[in-house]
PDB file of all heavy atoms in Angstrom:
ATOM      1  N   ARG A   1      -8.058 126.227 -10.329  1.00  0.00           N
ATOM      2  CA  ARG A   1      -6.760 126.705 -10.810  1.00  0.00           C
ATOM      3  C   ARG A   1      -6.295 127.876  -9.968  1.00  0.00           C
ATOM      4  O   ARG A   1      -7.093 128.612  -9.392  1.00  0.00           O
ATOM      5  CB  ARG A   1      -6.822 127.094 -12.293  1.00  0.00           C
ATOM      6  CG  ARG A   1      -7.695 128.303 -12.595  1.00  0.00           C
ATOM      7  CD  ARG A   1      -7.781 128.520 -14.094  1.00  0.00           C
ATOM      8  NE  ARG A   1      -8.578 129.690 -14.446  1.00  0.00           N
ATOM      9  CZ  ARG A   1      -8.884 130.037 -15.696  1.00  0.00           C
ATOM     10  NH1 ARG A   1      -8.467 129.295 -16.716  1.00  0.00           N
ATOM     11  NH2 ARG A   1      -9.618 131.120 -15.923  1.00  0.00           N
ATOM     12  N   GLN A   2      -4.971 128.033  -9.915  1.00  0.00           N
ATOM     13  CA  GLN A   2      -4.384 129.111  -9.143  1.00  0.00           C
ATOM     14  C   GLN A   2      -3.179 129.675  -9.883  1.00  0.00           C
ATOM     15  O   GLN A   2      -2.222 128.960 -10.169  1.00  0.00           O
ATOM     16  CB  GLN A   2      -3.960 128.630  -7.753  1.00  0.00           C
ATOM     17  CG  GLN A   2      -3.475 129.731  -6.843  1.00  0.00           C
ATOM     18  CD  GLN A   2      -3.342 129.274  -5.403  1.00  0.00           C
ATOM     19  OE1 GLN A   2      -3.202 128.088  -5.130  1.00  0.00           O
ATOM     20  NE2 GLN A   2      -3.398 130.221  -4.478  1.00  0.00           N
ATOM     21  N   ALA A   3      -3.239 130.958 -10.193  1.00  0.00           N
ATOM     22  CA  ALA A   3      -2.140 131.670 -10.820  1.00  0.00           C
ATOM     23  C   ALA A   3      -1.347 132.408  -9.748  1.00  0.00           C
ATOM     24  O   ALA A   3      -1.875 132.715  -8.675  1.00  0.00           O
ATOM     25  CB  ALA A   3      -2.662 132.651 -11.864  1.00  0.00           C
ATOM     26  N   PRO A   4      -0.067 132.715 -10.000  1.00  0.00           N
ATOM     27  CA  PRO A   4       0.728 133.441  -9.012  1.00  0.00           C
ATOM     28  C   PRO A   4       0.069 134.748  -8.609  1.00  0.00           C
ATOM     29  O   PRO A   4      -0.366 135.530  -9.455  1.00  0.00           O
ATOM     30  CB  PRO A   4       2.053 133.678  -9.737  1.00  0.00           C
ATOM     31  CG  PRO A   4       2.135 132.569 -10.735  1.00  0.00           C
ATOM     32  CD  PRO A   4       0.720 132.347 -11.184  1.00  0.00           C
ATOM     33  N   GLY A   5      -0.009 134.986  -7.307  1.00  0.00           N
ATOM     34  CA  GLY A   5      -0.599 136.208  -6.797  1.00  0.00           C
ATOM     35  C   GLY A   5      -2.106 136.235  -6.776  1.00  0.00           C
ATOM     36  O   GLY A   5      -2.686 137.259  -6.392  1.00  0.00           O
ATOM     37  N   LYS A   6      -2.750 135.140  -7.171  1.00  0.00           N
ATOM     38  CA  LYS A   6      -4.205 135.082  -7.190  1.00  0.00           C
ATOM     39  C   LYS A   6      -4.694 133.921  -6.323  1.00  0.00           C
ATOM     40  O   LYS A   6      -3.966 132.973  -6.053  1.00  0.00           O
ATOM     41  CB  LYS A   6      -4.727 134.914  -8.614  1.00  0.00           C
ATOM     42  CG  LYS A   6      -4.337 136.030  -9.572  1.00  0.00           C
ATOM     43  CD  LYS A   6      -4.943 135.828 -10.944  1.00  0.00           C
ATOM     44  CE  LYS A   6      -6.450 135.927 -10.902  1.00  0.00           C
ATOM     45  NZ  LYS A   6      -7.053 135.797 -12.263  1.00  0.00           N
ATOM     46  N   GLU A   7      -5.935 134.015  -5.896  1.00  0.00           N
ATOM     47  CA  GLU A   7      -6.517 132.947  -5.099  1.00  0.00           C
ATOM     48  C   GLU A   7      -6.917 131.776  -5.982  1.00  0.00           C
ATOM     49  O   GLU A   7      -7.119 131.925  -7.192  1.00  0.00           O
ATOM     50  CB  GLU A   7      -7.732 133.466  -4.324  1.00  0.00           C
ATOM     51  CG  GLU A   7      -8.903 133.877  -5.204  1.00  0.00           C
ATOM     52  CD  GLU A   7     -10.074 134.409  -4.402  1.00  0.00           C
ATOM     53  OE1 GLU A   7      -9.950 134.499  -3.174  1.00  0.00           O
ATOM     54  OE2 GLU A   7     -11.113 134.727  -5.009  1.00  0.00           O
ATOM     55  N   ARG A   8      -7.032 130.605  -5.371  1.00  0.00           N
ATOM     56  CA  ARG A   8      -7.464 129.434  -6.103  1.00  0.00           C
ATOM     57  C   ARG A   8      -8.937 129.579  -6.476  1.00  0.00           C
ATOM     58  O   ARG A   8      -9.782 129.843  -5.620  1.00  0.00           O
ATOM     59  CB  ARG A   8      -7.245 128.176  -5.261  1.00  0.00           C
ATOM     60  CG  ARG A   8      -7.410 126.879  -6.017  1.00  0.00           C
ATOM     61  CD  ARG A   8      -6.966 125.681  -5.170  1.00  0.00           C
ATOM     62  NE  ARG A   8      -5.570 125.792  -4.774  1.00  0.00           N
ATOM     63  CZ  ARG A   8      -4.908 124.858  -4.101  1.00  0.00           C
ATOM     64  NH1 ARG A   8      -5.514 123.738  -3.753  1.00  0.00           N
ATOM     65  NH2 ARG A   8      -3.641 125.054  -3.774  1.00  0.00           N
ATOM     66  N   GLU A   9      -9.251 129.411  -7.753  1.00  0.00           N
ATOM     67  CA  GLU A   9     -10.598 129.651  -8.232  1.00  0.00           C
ATOM     68  C   GLU A   9     -11.193 128.401  -8.874  1.00  0.00           C
ATOM     69  O   GLU A   9     -10.496 127.576  -9.460  1.00  0.00           O
ATOM     70  CB  GLU A   9     -10.619 130.809  -9.242  1.00  0.00           C
ATOM     71  CG  GLU A   9      -9.854 130.534 -10.522  1.00  0.00           C
ATOM     72  CD  GLU A   9      -9.972 131.665 -11.532  1.00  0.00           C
ATOM     73  OE1 GLU A   9     -10.756 132.607 -11.298  1.00  0.00           O
ATOM     74  OE2 GLU A   9      -9.270 131.608 -12.569  1.00  0.00           O
ATOM     75  N   PHE A  10     -12.503 128.296  -8.780  1.00  0.00           N
ATOM     76  CA  PHE A  10     -13.237 127.189  -9.369  1.00  0.00           C
ATOM     77  C   PHE A  10     -13.243 127.296 -10.883  1.00  0.00           C
ATOM     78  O   PHE A  10     -13.411 128.382 -11.441  1.00  0.00           O
ATOM     79  CB  PHE A  10     -14.670 127.186  -8.836  1.00  0.00           C
ATOM     80  CG  PHE A  10     -15.565 126.173  -9.486  1.00  0.00           C
ATOM     81  CD1 PHE A  10     -15.523 124.842  -9.102  1.00  0.00           C
ATOM     82  CD2 PHE A  10     -16.452 126.545 -10.474  1.00  0.00           C
ATOM     83  CE1 PHE A  10     -16.350 123.902  -9.701  1.00  0.00           C
ATOM     84  CE2 PHE A  10     -17.284 125.621 -11.077  1.00  0.00           C
ATOM     85  CZ  PHE A  10     -17.227 124.288 -10.686  1.00  0.00           C
ATOM     86  N   VAL A  11     -13.081 126.159 -11.557  1.00  0.00           N
ATOM     87  CA  VAL A  11     -13.101 126.100 -13.011  1.00  0.00           C
ATOM     88  C   VAL A  11     -14.317 125.326 -13.509  1.00  0.00           C
ATOM     89  O   VAL A  11     -15.108 125.833 -14.302  1.00  0.00           O
ATOM     90  CB  VAL A  11     -11.817 125.466 -13.573  1.00  0.00           C
ATOM     91  CG1 VAL A  11     -11.903 125.331 -15.089  1.00  0.00           C
ATOM     92  CG2 VAL A  11     -10.599 126.297 -13.183  1.00  0.00           C
ATOM     93  N   ALA A  12     -14.479 124.084 -13.058  1.00  0.00           N
ATOM     94  CA  ALA A  12     -15.568 123.236 -13.528  1.00  0.00           C
ATOM     95  C   ALA A  12     -15.801 122.112 -12.538  1.00  0.00           C
ATOM     96  O   ALA A  12     -14.891 121.708 -11.814  1.00  0.00           O
ATOM     97  CB  ALA A  12     -15.262 122.657 -14.914  1.00  0.00           C
ATOM     98  N   GLY A  13     -17.037 121.585 -12.507  1.00  0.00           N
ATOM     99  CA  GLY A  13     -17.372 120.474 -11.638  1.00  0.00           C
ATOM    100  C   GLY A  13     -18.311 119.509 -12.334  1.00  0.00           C
ATOM    101  O   GLY A  13     -19.035 119.881 -13.257  1.00  0.00           O
ATOM    102  N   ILE A  14     -18.315 118.250 -11.868  1.00  0.00           N
ATOM    103  CA  ILE A  14     -19.165 117.215 -12.448  1.00  0.00           C
ATOM    104  C   ILE A  14     -19.610 116.273 -11.341  1.00  0.00           C
ATOM    105  O   ILE A  14     -18.835 115.925 -10.452  1.00  0.00           O
ATOM    106  CB  ILE A  14     -18.421 116.461 -13.582  1.00  0.00           C
ATOM    107  CG1 ILE A  14     -19.362 115.514 -14.323  1.00  0.00           C
ATOM    108  CG2 ILE A  14     -17.207 115.714 -13.035  1.00  0.00           C
ATOM    109  CD1 ILE A  14     -18.752 114.976 -15.617  1.00  0.00           C
ATOM    110  N   ASN A  15     -20.892 115.872 -11.367  1.00  0.00           N
ATOM    111  CA  ASN A  15     -21.395 114.984 -10.335  1.00  0.00           C
ATOM    112  C   ASN A  15     -20.997 113.540 -10.618  1.00  0.00           C
ATOM    113  O   ASN A  15     -20.398 113.232 -11.656  1.00  0.00           O
ATOM    114  CB  ASN A  15     -22.914 115.137 -10.188  1.00  0.00           C
ATOM    115  CG  ASN A  15     -23.692 114.554 -11.357  1.00  0.00           C
ATOM    116  OD1 ASN A  15     -23.169 114.366 -12.454  1.00  0.00           O
ATOM    117  ND2 ASN A  15     -24.966 114.258 -11.123  1.00  0.00           N
ATOM    118  N   TRP A  16     -21.352 112.628  -9.710  1.00  0.00           N
ATOM    119  CA  TRP A  16     -20.846 111.255  -9.791  1.00  0.00           C
ATOM    120  C   TRP A  16     -21.346 110.517 -11.017  1.00  0.00           C
ATOM    121  O   TRP A  16     -20.626 109.670 -11.557  1.00  0.00           O
ATOM    122  CB  TRP A  16     -21.199 110.484  -8.522  1.00  0.00           C
ATOM    123  CG  TRP A  16     -22.659 110.159  -8.382  1.00  0.00           C
ATOM    124  CD1 TRP A  16     -23.619 110.909  -7.772  1.00  0.00           C
ATOM    125  CD2 TRP A  16     -23.319 108.986  -8.870  1.00  0.00           C
ATOM    126  NE1 TRP A  16     -24.840 110.280  -7.843  1.00  0.00           N
ATOM    127  CE2 TRP A  16     -24.680 109.098  -8.508  1.00  0.00           C
ATOM    128  CE3 TRP A  16     -22.895 107.855  -9.562  1.00  0.00           C
ATOM    129  CZ2 TRP A  16     -25.620 108.126  -8.831  1.00  0.00           C
ATOM    130  CZ3 TRP A  16     -23.836 106.883  -9.889  1.00  0.00           C
ATOM    131  CH2 TRP A  16     -25.173 107.025  -9.522  1.00  0.00           C
ATOM    132  N   SER A  17     -22.560 110.806 -11.464  1.00  0.00           N
ATOM    133  CA  SER A  17     -23.121 110.111 -12.615  1.00  0.00           C
ATOM    134  C   SER A  17     -22.752 110.774 -13.941  1.00  0.00           C
ATOM    135  O   SER A  17     -22.967 110.183 -14.999  1.00  0.00           O
ATOM    136  CB  SER A  17     -24.636 110.022 -12.498  1.00  0.00           C
ATOM    137  OG  SER A  17     -25.231 111.308 -12.481  1.00  0.00           O
ATOM    138  N   GLY A  18     -22.209 111.980 -13.891  1.00  0.00           N
ATOM    139  CA  GLY A  18     -21.803 112.677 -15.097  1.00  0.00           C
ATOM    140  C   GLY A  18     -22.911 113.398 -15.827  1.00  0.00           C
ATOM    141  O   GLY A  18     -22.683 113.917 -16.923  1.00  0.00           O
ATOM    142  N   ASP A  19     -24.114 113.450 -15.253  1.00  0.00           N
ATOM    143  CA  ASP A  19     -25.240 114.084 -15.924  1.00  0.00           C
ATOM    144  C   ASP A  19     -25.469 115.523 -15.485  1.00  0.00           C
ATOM    145  O   ASP A  19     -26.442 116.142 -15.913  1.00  0.00           O
ATOM    146  CB  ASP A  19     -26.519 113.264 -15.733  1.00  0.00           C
ATOM    147  CG  ASP A  19     -26.921 113.120 -14.274  1.00  0.00           C
ATOM    148  OD1 ASP A  19     -26.189 113.607 -13.391  1.00  0.00           O
ATOM    149  OD2 ASP A  19     -27.975 112.507 -14.013  1.00  0.00           O
ATOM    150  N   SER A  20     -24.585 116.067 -14.646  1.00  0.00           N
ATOM    151  CA  SER A  20     -24.705 117.446 -14.206  1.00  0.00           C
ATOM    152  C   SER A  20     -23.317 118.066 -14.138  1.00  0.00           C
ATOM    153  O   SER A  20     -22.425 117.520 -13.484  1.00  0.00           O
ATOM    154  CB  SER A  20     -25.399 117.523 -12.845  1.00  0.00           C
ATOM    155  OG  SER A  20     -25.557 118.862 -12.432  1.00  0.00           O
ATOM    156  N   THR A  21     -23.132 119.196 -14.807  1.00  0.00           N
ATOM    157  CA  THR A  21     -21.855 119.893 -14.822  1.00  0.00           C
ATOM    158  C   THR A  21     -22.058 121.365 -14.512  1.00  0.00           C
ATOM    159  O   THR A  21     -23.119 121.933 -14.779  1.00  0.00           O
ATOM    160  CB  THR A  21     -21.146 119.760 -16.178  1.00  0.00           C
ATOM    161  OG1 THR A  21     -22.002 120.244 -17.213  1.00  0.00           O
ATOM    162  CG2 THR A  21     -20.803 118.303 -16.466  1.00  0.00           C
ATOM    163  N   VAL A  22     -21.031 121.985 -13.949  1.00  0.00           N
ATOM    164  CA  VAL A  22     -21.038 123.402 -13.615  1.00  0.00           C
ATOM    165  C   VAL A  22     -19.723 124.007 -14.087  1.00  0.00           C
ATOM    166  O   VAL A  22     -18.661 123.412 -13.917  1.00  0.00           O
ATOM    167  CB  VAL A  22     -21.218 123.635 -12.105  1.00  0.00           C
ATOM    168  CG1 VAL A  22     -21.195 125.124 -11.775  1.00  0.00           C
ATOM    169  CG2 VAL A  22     -22.517 123.011 -11.615  1.00  0.00           C
ATOM    170  N   TYR A  23     -19.786 125.206 -14.682  1.00  0.00           N
ATOM    171  CA  TYR A  23     -18.600 125.875 -15.194  1.00  0.00           C
ATOM    172  C   TYR A  23     -18.513 127.301 -14.673  1.00  0.00           C
ATOM    173  O   TYR A  23     -19.536 127.956 -14.434  1.00  0.00           O
ATOM    174  CB  TYR A  23     -18.606 125.921 -16.728  1.00  0.00           C
ATOM    175  CG  TYR A  23     -18.497 124.574 -17.392  1.00  0.00           C
ATOM    176  CD1 TYR A  23     -19.636 123.877 -17.789  1.00  0.00           C
ATOM    177  CD2 TYR A  23     -17.256 123.998 -17.628  1.00  0.00           C
ATOM    178  CE1 TYR A  23     -19.539 122.642 -18.399  1.00  0.00           C
ATOM    179  CE2 TYR A  23     -17.153 122.764 -18.242  1.00  0.00           C
ATOM    180  CZ  TYR A  23     -18.295 122.088 -18.627  1.00  0.00           C
ATOM    181  OH  TYR A  23     -18.194 120.865 -19.236  1.00  0.00           O
ATOM    182  N   SER A  24     -17.287 127.781 -14.528  1.00  0.00           N
ATOM    183  CA  SER A  24     -17.076 129.186 -14.242  1.00  0.00           C
ATOM    184  C   SER A  24     -17.526 130.025 -15.432  1.00  0.00           C
ATOM    185  O   SER A  24     -17.291 129.664 -16.587  1.00  0.00           O
ATOM    186  CB  SER A  24     -15.601 129.447 -13.942  1.00  0.00           C
ATOM    187  OG  SER A  24     -15.317 130.826 -13.913  1.00  0.00           O
ATOM    188  N   ASP A  25     -18.156 131.159 -15.149  1.00  0.00           N
ATOM    189  CA  ASP A  25     -18.624 132.035 -16.218  1.00  0.00           C
ATOM    190  C   ASP A  25     -17.480 132.621 -17.040  1.00  0.00           C
ATOM    191  O   ASP A  25     -17.692 133.057 -18.171  1.00  0.00           O
ATOM    192  CB  ASP A  25     -19.466 133.172 -15.644  1.00  0.00           C
ATOM    193  CG  ASP A  25     -20.785 132.700 -15.064  1.00  0.00           C
ATOM    194  OD1 ASP A  25     -21.268 131.624 -15.473  1.00  0.00           O
ATOM    195  OD2 ASP A  25     -21.341 133.408 -14.204  1.00  0.00           O
TER     196      ASP A  25
END
């Protein structure tokens, strides 16, 4: 996601099989 005046930041990710996810703190 990217808000005005801010850099694009990671929110969440998921691998191809769906058994591993990562989230921003």
